[in-house]
Amino acid sequence: MDVALLKTSGVMAENPRKAYVDGYSLRIGNRATLVPAEQGRAYGMVLALTHGELDVLYGGPGLENYRPEALQATLMDGGSLPALCYNLLEAPAEHERNDAYAAKLREALDSLGFPADYVASVC
């Protein structure tokens, strides 16, 4: 999640940290989600948000199919912590594509310094 973008929605994310989750891969269709993948690793940001802020983020139209899932995130600077990740109830079909969203996500991941091979794999 992009902290600056969240601010435009009135969400003031605190304590942003780079992290990854093993055992999952990112899948982008019309929407993005993490899907279980035995050898997978998905990178992103861990942010401190209130329940109200989560309601703002996931209460909008088209987001009703996301549900919180408890995961263990490994912080890039060491350590790990439990985190909630909002994932789709049903993963996007293999043929679903959102190239514009994938390009924006690659740009954000690259600007945050995530591994180049992971950034290139986002499609």
N, C-alpha and C. Protein backbone atom coordinates (compact mmCIF):
# COMPACT_ATOMS: atom_id res chain seq x y z
N MET A 1 0.84 -1.18 0.00
CA MET A 1 0.00 0.00 0.00
C MET A 1 0.88 1.24 0.00
N ASP A 2 0.45 2.22 -0.71
CA ASP A 2 1.17 3.47 -0.87
C ASP A 2 0.66 4.46 0.18
N VAL A 3 1.55 4.89 1.10
CA VAL A 3 1.17 5.77 2.20
C VAL A 3 0.60 7.08 1.67
N ALA A 4 1.22 7.66 0.63
CA ALA A 4 0.73 8.92 0.07
C ALA A 4 -0.66 8.75 -0.54
N LEU A 5 -0.88 7.64 -1.22
CA LEU A 5 -2.19 7.38 -1.81
C LEU A 5 -3.25 7.18 -0.73
N LEU A 6 -2.89 6.53 0.35
CA LEU A 6 -3.83 6.33 1.45
C LEU A 6 -4.27 7.66 2.05
N LYS A 7 -3.36 8.62 2.13
CA LYS A 7 -3.69 9.94 2.69
C LYS A 7 -4.79 10.61 1.90
N THR A 8 -4.85 10.36 0.58
CA THR A 8 -5.89 10.98 -0.24
C THR A 8 -7.27 10.44 0.13
N SER A 9 -7.31 9.27 0.78
CA SER A 9 -8.57 8.69 1.25
C SER A 9 -8.83 9.03 2.71
N GLY A 10 -7.96 9.85 3.30
CA GLY A 10 -8.13 10.21 4.70
C GLY A 10 -7.57 9.18 5.66
N VAL A 11 -6.78 8.25 5.16
CA VAL A 11 -6.19 7.20 5.98
C VAL A 11 -4.75 7.58 6.29
N MET A 12 -4.44 7.70 7.57
CA MET A 12 -3.11 8.13 8.00
C MET A 12 -2.33 6.92 8.52
N ALA A 13 -1.77 6.17 7.62
CA ALA A 13 -1.01 4.96 7.97
C ALA A 13 0.22 5.34 8.78
N GLU A 14 0.49 4.55 9.79
CA GLU A 14 1.65 4.79 10.63
C GLU A 14 2.61 3.60 10.56
N ASN A 15 3.87 3.90 10.86
CA ASN A 15 4.90 2.89 10.98
C ASN A 15 5.01 1.98 9.74
N PRO A 16 5.15 2.57 8.54
CA PRO A 16 5.28 1.73 7.33
C PRO A 16 6.61 0.98 7.33
N ARG A 17 6.52 -0.33 7.04
CA ARG A 17 7.71 -1.17 7.01
C ARG A 17 7.62 -2.13 5.83
N LYS A 18 8.75 -2.33 5.16
CA LYS A 18 8.81 -3.29 4.06
C LYS A 18 8.84 -4.69 4.64
N ALA A 19 8.11 -5.60 3.98
CA ALA A 19 8.01 -6.96 4.48
C ALA A 19 7.71 -7.92 3.34
N TYR A 20 7.72 -9.21 3.68
CA TYR A 20 7.28 -10.23 2.74
C TYR A 20 6.55 -11.32 3.50
N VAL A 21 5.77 -12.08 2.74
CA VAL A 21 5.02 -13.21 3.28
C VAL A 21 5.38 -14.43 2.45
N ASP A 22 5.90 -15.46 3.10
CA ASP A 22 6.20 -16.70 2.40
C ASP A 22 4.95 -17.57 2.31
N GLY A 23 4.91 -18.40 1.26
CA GLY A 23 3.78 -19.31 1.08
C GLY A 23 2.62 -18.70 0.32
N TYR A 24 2.82 -17.50 -0.24
CA TYR A 24 1.79 -16.81 -1.02
C TYR A 24 2.43 -16.16 -2.23
N SER A 25 1.63 -16.00 -3.28
CA SER A 25 2.03 -15.27 -4.47
C SER A 25 0.97 -14.22 -4.77
N LEU A 26 1.39 -13.16 -5.41
CA LEU A 26 0.47 -12.11 -5.83
C LEU A 26 -0.19 -12.52 -7.14
N ARG A 27 -1.51 -12.37 -7.20
CA ARG A 27 -2.22 -12.59 -8.46
C ARG A 27 -3.04 -11.34 -8.76
N ILE A 28 -2.82 -10.80 -9.96
CA ILE A 28 -3.56 -9.61 -10.39
C ILE A 28 -4.49 -10.00 -11.51
N GLY A 29 -5.76 -9.79 -11.28
CA GLY A 29 -6.79 -9.92 -12.31
C GLY A 29 -7.44 -8.57 -12.43
N ASN A 30 -8.76 -8.52 -12.39
CA ASN A 30 -9.43 -7.22 -12.30
C ASN A 30 -9.09 -6.57 -10.97
N ARG A 31 -8.83 -7.37 -9.98
CA ARG A 31 -8.38 -6.95 -8.64
C ARG A 31 -7.14 -7.77 -8.28
N ALA A 32 -6.44 -7.33 -7.25
CA ALA A 32 -5.24 -8.05 -6.81
C ALA A 32 -5.52 -8.77 -5.49
N THR A 33 -4.82 -9.88 -5.30
CA THR A 33 -4.95 -10.65 -4.07
C THR A 33 -3.72 -11.53 -3.90
N LEU A 34 -3.54 -12.02 -2.70
CA LEU A 34 -2.53 -13.05 -2.48
C LEU A 34 -3.21 -14.41 -2.56
N VAL A 35 -2.52 -15.36 -3.15
CA VAL A 35 -3.03 -16.73 -3.24
C VAL A 35 -1.99 -17.67 -2.65
N PRO A 36 -2.44 -18.73 -1.99
CA PRO A 36 -1.48 -19.69 -1.45
C PRO A 36 -0.60 -20.28 -2.56
N ALA A 37 0.69 -20.34 -2.30
CA ALA A 37 1.66 -20.90 -3.25
C ALA A 37 2.82 -21.45 -2.42
N GLU A 38 2.98 -22.75 -2.44
CA GLU A 38 3.96 -23.40 -1.56
C GLU A 38 5.33 -22.75 -1.60
N GLN A 39 5.84 -22.43 -2.78
CA GLN A 39 7.16 -21.83 -2.92
C GLN A 39 7.10 -20.32 -3.14
N GLY A 40 5.93 -19.72 -2.91
CA GLY A 40 5.74 -18.31 -3.19
C GLY A 40 6.31 -17.38 -2.13
N ARG A 41 6.53 -16.15 -2.54
CA ARG A 41 6.91 -15.07 -1.63
C ARG A 41 6.34 -13.79 -2.22
N ALA A 42 5.55 -13.08 -1.43
CA ALA A 42 4.95 -11.82 -1.86
C ALA A 42 5.50 -10.69 -1.00
N TYR A 43 5.90 -9.61 -1.65
CA TYR A 43 6.46 -8.46 -0.96
C TYR A 43 5.44 -7.33 -0.88
N GLY A 44 5.56 -6.51 0.14
CA GLY A 44 4.69 -5.36 0.27
C GLY A 44 5.00 -4.59 1.54
N MET A 45 4.09 -3.72 1.90
CA MET A 45 4.25 -2.87 3.07
C MET A 45 3.33 -3.33 4.19
N VAL A 46 3.85 -3.28 5.41
CA VAL A 46 3.06 -3.50 6.61
C VAL A 46 2.84 -2.11 7.21
N LEU A 47 1.58 -1.79 7.49
CA LEU A 47 1.22 -0.48 8.00
C LEU A 47 0.35 -0.63 9.24
N ALA A 48 0.46 0.32 10.14
CA ALA A 48 -0.43 0.35 11.31
C ALA A 48 -1.66 1.17 10.94
N LEU A 49 -2.83 0.52 10.96
CA LEU A 49 -4.10 1.17 10.63
C LEU A 49 -5.11 0.87 11.72
N THR A 50 -6.06 1.77 11.89
CA THR A 50 -7.14 1.54 12.85
C THR A 50 -8.24 0.73 12.17
N HIS A 51 -9.15 0.19 12.98
CA HIS A 51 -10.30 -0.52 12.41
C HIS A 51 -11.13 0.41 11.54
N GLY A 52 -11.28 1.64 11.96
CA GLY A 52 -12.03 2.62 11.15
C GLY A 52 -11.38 2.86 9.81
N GLU A 53 -10.05 2.95 9.79
CA GLU A 53 -9.34 3.15 8.53
C GLU A 53 -9.48 1.94 7.62
N LEU A 54 -9.46 0.75 8.19
CA LEU A 54 -9.69 -0.46 7.39
C LEU A 54 -11.09 -0.45 6.80
N ASP A 55 -12.06 0.00 7.57
CA ASP A 55 -13.44 0.10 7.06
C ASP A 55 -13.51 1.07 5.89
N VAL A 56 -12.79 2.18 5.97
CA VAL A 56 -12.76 3.15 4.87
C VAL A 56 -12.15 2.50 3.63
N LEU A 57 -11.03 1.82 3.81
CA LEU A 57 -10.32 1.23 2.67
C LEU A 57 -11.10 0.11 1.99
N TYR A 58 -11.74 -0.74 2.78
CA TYR A 58 -12.38 -1.93 2.21
C TYR A 58 -13.90 -1.86 2.23
N GLY A 59 -14.45 -0.71 2.54
CA GLY A 59 -15.90 -0.55 2.55
C GLY A 59 -16.47 0.02 1.27
N GLY A 60 -15.60 0.35 0.31
CA GLY A 60 -16.05 0.96 -0.93
C GLY A 60 -16.64 -0.04 -1.91
N PRO A 61 -17.31 0.48 -2.93
CA PRO A 61 -17.90 -0.40 -3.94
C PRO A 61 -16.84 -1.21 -4.67
N GLY A 62 -17.15 -2.46 -4.91
CA GLY A 62 -16.24 -3.37 -5.60
C GLY A 62 -15.25 -4.07 -4.68
N LEU A 63 -15.27 -3.72 -3.38
CA LEU A 63 -14.32 -4.31 -2.45
C LEU A 63 -14.97 -5.26 -1.46
N GLU A 64 -16.25 -5.52 -1.64
CA GLU A 64 -16.99 -6.36 -0.70
C GLU A 64 -16.54 -7.82 -0.71
N ASN A 65 -15.78 -8.23 -1.70
CA ASN A 65 -15.32 -9.62 -1.75
C ASN A 65 -13.96 -9.83 -1.09
N TYR A 66 -13.40 -8.78 -0.50
CA TYR A 66 -12.15 -8.91 0.25
C TYR A 66 -12.46 -9.25 1.70
N ARG A 67 -11.66 -10.15 2.26
CA ARG A 67 -11.80 -10.55 3.67
C ARG A 67 -10.43 -10.55 4.32
N PRO A 68 -10.37 -10.17 5.60
CA PRO A 68 -9.07 -10.18 6.29
C PRO A 68 -8.59 -11.59 6.55
N GLU A 69 -7.30 -11.76 6.36
CA GLU A 69 -6.66 -13.06 6.62
C GLU A 69 -5.41 -12.80 7.46
N ALA A 70 -5.28 -13.52 8.55
CA ALA A 70 -4.12 -13.38 9.42
C ALA A 70 -2.92 -14.09 8.80
N LEU A 71 -1.82 -13.37 8.66
CA LEU A 71 -0.59 -13.90 8.09
C LEU A 71 0.59 -13.52 8.98
N GLN A 72 1.69 -14.20 8.80
CA GLN A 72 2.93 -13.86 9.49
C GLN A 72 3.83 -13.15 8.48
N ALA A 73 4.10 -11.87 8.73
CA ALA A 73 4.94 -11.08 7.83
C ALA A 73 6.36 -11.03 8.37
N THR A 74 7.33 -11.19 7.47
CA THR A 74 8.74 -11.06 7.83
C THR A 74 9.20 -9.68 7.40
N LEU A 75 9.68 -8.90 8.35
CA LEU A 75 10.14 -7.55 8.06
C LEU A 75 11.49 -7.59 7.37
N MET A 76 11.67 -6.72 6.39
CA MET A 76 12.91 -6.70 5.61
C MET A 76 14.11 -6.29 6.48
N ASP A 77 13.87 -5.57 7.56
CA ASP A 77 14.97 -5.16 8.43
C ASP A 77 15.13 -6.09 9.63
N GLY A 78 14.48 -7.25 9.57
CA GLY A 78 14.61 -8.25 10.62
C GLY A 78 13.36 -8.37 11.46
N GLY A 79 13.15 -9.55 11.98
CA GLY A 79 11.98 -9.82 12.81
C GLY A 79 10.76 -10.18 11.99
N SER A 80 9.71 -10.49 12.69
CA SER A 80 8.44 -10.81 12.03
C SER A 80 7.31 -10.38 12.95
N LEU A 81 6.12 -10.31 12.38
CA LEU A 81 4.95 -9.93 13.17
C LEU A 81 3.69 -10.44 12.49
N PRO A 82 2.63 -10.65 13.27
CA PRO A 82 1.36 -11.02 12.66
C PRO A 82 0.76 -9.80 11.96
N ALA A 83 0.10 -10.04 10.85
CA ALA A 83 -0.50 -8.95 10.08
C ALA A 83 -1.81 -9.43 9.46
N LEU A 84 -2.71 -8.48 9.25
CA LEU A 84 -3.94 -8.77 8.50
C LEU A 84 -3.70 -8.39 7.05
N CYS A 85 -4.07 -9.27 6.15
CA CYS A 85 -3.99 -9.00 4.72
C CYS A 85 -5.39 -9.22 4.16
N TYR A 86 -5.91 -8.24 3.46
CA TYR A 86 -7.23 -8.39 2.87
C TYR A 86 -7.09 -9.06 1.51
N ASN A 87 -7.67 -10.25 1.41
CA ASN A 87 -7.60 -11.05 0.19
C ASN A 87 -8.99 -11.32 -0.34
N LEU A 88 -9.05 -11.57 -1.63
CA LEU A 88 -10.33 -11.92 -2.26
C LEU A 88 -10.79 -13.29 -1.81
N LEU A 89 -12.10 -13.44 -1.68
CA LEU A 89 -12.67 -14.74 -1.35
C LEU A 89 -12.36 -15.76 -2.43
N GLU A 90 -12.36 -15.30 -3.67
CA GLU A 90 -12.08 -16.16 -4.82
C GLU A 90 -11.01 -15.49 -5.67
N ALA A 91 -9.93 -16.20 -5.92
CA ALA A 91 -8.81 -15.64 -6.69
C ALA A 91 -9.25 -15.31 -8.11
N PRO A 92 -8.64 -14.30 -8.72
CA PRO A 92 -8.94 -13.98 -10.11
C PRO A 92 -8.63 -15.18 -11.01
N ALA A 93 -9.41 -15.32 -12.05
CA ALA A 93 -9.16 -16.37 -13.03
C ALA A 93 -7.83 -16.11 -13.74
N GLU A 94 -7.20 -17.16 -14.21
CA GLU A 94 -5.89 -17.04 -14.86
C GLU A 94 -5.93 -16.07 -16.05
N HIS A 95 -7.06 -15.98 -16.75
CA HIS A 95 -7.14 -15.14 -17.94
C HIS A 95 -7.42 -13.66 -17.62
N GLU A 96 -7.79 -13.35 -16.37
CA GLU A 96 -8.07 -11.95 -15.99
C GLU A 96 -6.77 -11.16 -15.98
N ARG A 97 -6.81 -9.94 -16.50
CA ARG A 97 -5.63 -9.08 -16.54
C ARG A 97 -6.03 -7.65 -16.21
N ASN A 98 -5.13 -6.94 -15.57
CA ASN A 98 -5.27 -5.50 -15.37
C ASN A 98 -3.87 -4.93 -15.52
N ASP A 99 -3.48 -4.73 -16.76
CA ASP A 99 -2.11 -4.31 -17.07
C ASP A 99 -1.78 -2.94 -16.47
N ALA A 100 -2.75 -2.03 -16.45
CA ALA A 100 -2.51 -0.69 -15.89
C ALA A 100 -2.22 -0.78 -14.40
N TYR A 101 -2.99 -1.60 -13.68
CA TYR A 101 -2.77 -1.76 -12.25
C TYR A 101 -1.41 -2.41 -12.00
N ALA A 102 -1.07 -3.42 -12.76
CA ALA A 102 0.21 -4.11 -12.60
C ALA A 102 1.37 -3.14 -12.83
N ALA A 103 1.26 -2.28 -13.84
CA ALA A 103 2.33 -1.31 -14.13
C ALA A 103 2.50 -0.33 -12.97
N LYS A 104 1.40 0.15 -12.41
CA LYS A 104 1.49 1.07 -11.26
C LYS A 104 2.09 0.37 -10.05
N LEU A 105 1.73 -0.89 -9.86
CA LEU A 105 2.27 -1.63 -8.72
C LEU A 105 3.77 -1.87 -8.90
N ARG A 106 4.19 -2.22 -10.11
CA ARG A 106 5.63 -2.40 -10.37
C ARG A 106 6.39 -1.11 -10.07
N GLU A 107 5.84 0.01 -10.50
CA GLU A 107 6.47 1.32 -10.26
C GLU A 107 6.59 1.59 -8.76
N ALA A 108 5.53 1.32 -8.02
CA ALA A 108 5.56 1.55 -6.57
C ALA A 108 6.56 0.63 -5.89
N LEU A 109 6.54 -0.65 -6.24
CA LEU A 109 7.47 -1.61 -5.64
C LEU A 109 8.92 -1.24 -5.94
N ASP A 110 9.17 -0.82 -7.17
CA ASP A 110 10.52 -0.42 -7.57
C ASP A 110 10.96 0.81 -6.78
N SER A 111 10.09 1.81 -6.65
CA SER A 111 10.46 3.03 -5.93
C SER A 111 10.71 2.77 -4.45
N LEU A 112 10.12 1.73 -3.91
CA LEU A 112 10.32 1.36 -2.51
C LEU A 112 11.53 0.46 -2.30
N GLY A 113 12.17 0.04 -3.40
CA GLY A 113 13.40 -0.74 -3.29
C GLY A 113 13.21 -2.23 -3.07
N PHE A 114 12.07 -2.77 -3.49
CA PHE A 114 11.88 -4.22 -3.38
C PHE A 114 12.75 -4.93 -4.42
N PRO A 115 13.03 -6.23 -4.22
CA PRO A 115 13.92 -6.95 -5.15
C PRO A 115 13.47 -6.83 -6.62
N ALA A 116 14.45 -6.54 -7.48
CA ALA A 116 14.16 -6.31 -8.90
C ALA A 116 13.49 -7.50 -9.55
N ASP A 117 13.89 -8.73 -9.19
CA ASP A 117 13.28 -9.90 -9.81
C ASP A 117 11.81 -10.01 -9.41
N TYR A 118 11.46 -9.64 -8.19
CA TYR A 118 10.06 -9.66 -7.78
C TYR A 118 9.27 -8.58 -8.53
N VAL A 119 9.83 -7.39 -8.60
CA VAL A 119 9.15 -6.28 -9.30
C VAL A 119 8.86 -6.69 -10.74
N ALA A 120 9.83 -7.29 -11.41
CA ALA A 120 9.66 -7.70 -12.81
C ALA A 120 8.62 -8.79 -12.96
N SER A 121 8.39 -9.58 -11.91
CA SER A 121 7.44 -10.69 -11.99
C SER A 121 5.99 -10.25 -11.85
N VAL A 122 5.76 -9.02 -11.43
CA VAL A 122 4.39 -8.54 -11.20
C VAL A 122 3.74 -8.24 -12.54
N CYS A 123 2.72 -9.03 -12.86
CA CYS A 123 2.01 -8.83 -14.13
C CYS A 123 0.55 -9.23 -14.01
